[in-house]
């Protein structure tokens, strides 16, 4: 039960860290396939799904966008 509660707090923190580290390229803001992945993960996390599902969704979305472009 403690682990579940701790993971519940980890999801927003991990998403915030992803946004900060993935979209800042030095001094400019970068928009690419990673944005779609983080957005998809945010939707899954907001829906209250498990952290692992949010991460898998981000990976799959990013890979799909990169494969199509």
C-alpha atoms as a PDB file:
ATOM      1  CA  UNK A   1       0.000   0.000   0.000  1.00  0.00           C
ATOM      2  CA  UNK A   2       2.850   2.415   0.748  1.00  0.00           C
ATOM      3  CA  UNK A   3       4.454   1.611  -2.592  1.00  0.00           C
ATOM      4  CA  UNK A   4       1.209   2.361  -4.425  1.00  0.00           C
ATOM      5  CA  UNK A   5       0.901   5.685  -2.654  1.00  0.00           C
ATOM      6  CA  UNK A   6       4.532   6.554  -3.371  1.00  0.00           C
ATOM      7  CA  UNK A   7       4.113   5.705  -7.057  1.00  0.00           C
ATOM      8  CA  UNK A   8       1.036   7.923  -7.135  1.00  0.00           C
ATOM      9  CA  UNK A   9       3.235  10.842  -6.122  1.00  0.00           C
ATOM     10  CA  UNK A  10       5.970   9.808  -8.552  1.00  0.00           C
ATOM     11  CA  UNK A  11       3.853  10.166 -11.704  1.00  0.00           C
ATOM     12  CA  UNK A  12       3.478  13.980 -11.614  1.00  0.00           C
ATOM     13  CA  UNK A  13       7.095  14.409 -10.578  1.00  0.00           C
ATOM     14  CA  UNK A  14       8.348  12.229 -13.427  1.00  0.00           C
ATOM     15  CA  UNK A  15       6.184  14.033 -15.970  1.00  0.00           C
ATOM     16  CA  UNK A  16       7.471  17.392 -14.761  1.00  0.00           C
ATOM     17  CA  UNK A  17      11.048  16.153 -15.039  1.00  0.00           C
ATOM     18  CA  UNK A  18      10.397  14.910 -18.564  1.00  0.00           C
ATOM     19  CA  UNK A  19       9.007  18.237 -19.652  1.00  0.00           C
ATOM     20  CA  UNK A  20      11.926  20.175 -18.233  1.00  0.00           C
ATOM     21  CA  UNK A  21      14.675  17.904 -19.546  1.00  0.00           C
ATOM     22  CA  UNK A  22      13.251  16.848 -22.891  1.00  0.00           C
ATOM     23  CA  UNK A  23      12.045  20.111 -24.352  1.00  0.00           C
ATOM     24  CA  UNK A  24      14.836  22.435 -23.388  1.00  0.00           C
ATOM     25  CA  UNK A  25      17.751  22.321 -25.813  1.00  0.00           C
ATOM     26  CA  UNK A  26      20.257  24.703 -24.325  1.00  0.00           C
ATOM     27  CA  UNK A  27      18.567  28.088 -24.467  1.00  0.00           C
ATOM     28  CA  UNK A  28      15.671  27.323 -26.791  1.00  0.00           C
ATOM     29  CA  UNK A  29      12.435  25.353 -26.564  1.00  0.00           C
ATOM     30  CA  UNK A  30      12.220  22.318 -28.887  1.00  0.00           C
ATOM     31  CA  UNK A  31       9.007  20.737 -30.170  1.00  0.00           C
ATOM     32  CA  UNK A  32       9.338  17.282 -31.721  1.00  0.00           C
ATOM     33  CA  UNK A  33       8.091  13.695 -31.365  1.00  0.00           C
ATOM     34  CA  UNK A  34       8.975  13.735 -27.671  1.00  0.00           C
ATOM     35  CA  UNK A  35       6.211  16.268 -27.051  1.00  0.00           C
ATOM     36  CA  UNK A  36       3.621  13.832 -28.408  1.00  0.00           C
ATOM     37  CA  UNK A  37       5.019  11.107 -26.162  1.00  0.00           C
ATOM     38  CA  UNK A  38       4.883  13.224 -23.034  1.00  0.00           C
ATOM     39  CA  UNK A  39       1.392  14.454 -23.920  1.00  0.00           C
ATOM     40  CA  UNK A  40       0.200  10.864 -24.352  1.00  0.00           C
ATOM     41  CA  UNK A  41       1.768   9.892 -21.020  1.00  0.00           C
ATOM     42  CA  UNK A  42       0.097  12.861 -19.341  1.00  0.00           C
ATOM     43  CA  UNK A  43      -3.304  11.758 -20.620  1.00  0.00           C
ATOM     44  CA  UNK A  44      -2.739   8.245 -19.297  1.00  0.00           C
ATOM     45  CA  UNK A  45      -1.490   9.557 -15.937  1.00  0.00           C
ATOM     46  CA  UNK A  46      -4.389  11.988 -15.561  1.00  0.00           C
ATOM     47  CA  UNK A  47      -6.760   9.106 -16.263  1.00  0.00           C
ATOM     48  CA  UNK A  48      -5.290   7.427 -13.189  1.00  0.00           C
ATOM     49  CA  UNK A  49      -3.652   4.526 -14.986  1.00  0.00           C
ATOM     50  CA  UNK A  50      -0.442   2.869 -13.718  1.00  0.00           C
ATOM     51  CA  UNK A  51       2.933   4.551 -14.135  1.00  0.00           C
ATOM     52  CA  UNK A  52       4.261   1.709 -16.267  1.00  0.00           C
ATOM     53  CA  UNK A  53       1.384   2.153 -18.716  1.00  0.00           C
ATOM     54  CA  UNK A  54       2.104   5.894 -18.938  1.00  0.00           C
ATOM     55  CA  UNK A  55       5.771   5.223 -19.714  1.00  0.00           C
ATOM     56  CA  UNK A  56       4.937   2.532 -22.280  1.00  0.00           C
ATOM     57  CA  UNK A  57       2.446   4.873 -23.944  1.00  0.00           C
ATOM     58  CA  UNK A  58       5.056   7.624 -24.146  1.00  0.00           C
ATOM     59  CA  UNK A  59       7.605   5.277 -25.689  1.00  0.00           C
ATOM     60  CA  UNK A  60       5.165   3.860 -28.233  1.00  0.00           C
ATOM     61  CA  UNK A  61       3.811   7.276 -29.224  1.00  0.00           C
ATOM     62  CA  UNK A  62       7.268   8.757 -29.668  1.00  0.00           C
ATOM     63  CA  UNK A  63       8.427   5.771 -31.722  1.00  0.00           C
ATOM     64  CA  UNK A  64       5.343   5.926 -33.933  1.00  0.00           C
ATOM     65  CA  UNK A  65       5.744   9.659 -34.630  1.00  0.00           C
ATOM     66  CA  UNK A  66       9.436   9.190 -35.425  1.00  0.00           C
ATOM     67  CA  UNK A  67       8.662   6.277 -37.749  1.00  0.00           C
ATOM     68  CA  UNK A  68       6.079   8.328 -39.642  1.00  0.00           C
ATOM     69  CA  UNK A  69       8.288  11.383 -40.097  1.00  0.00           C
END
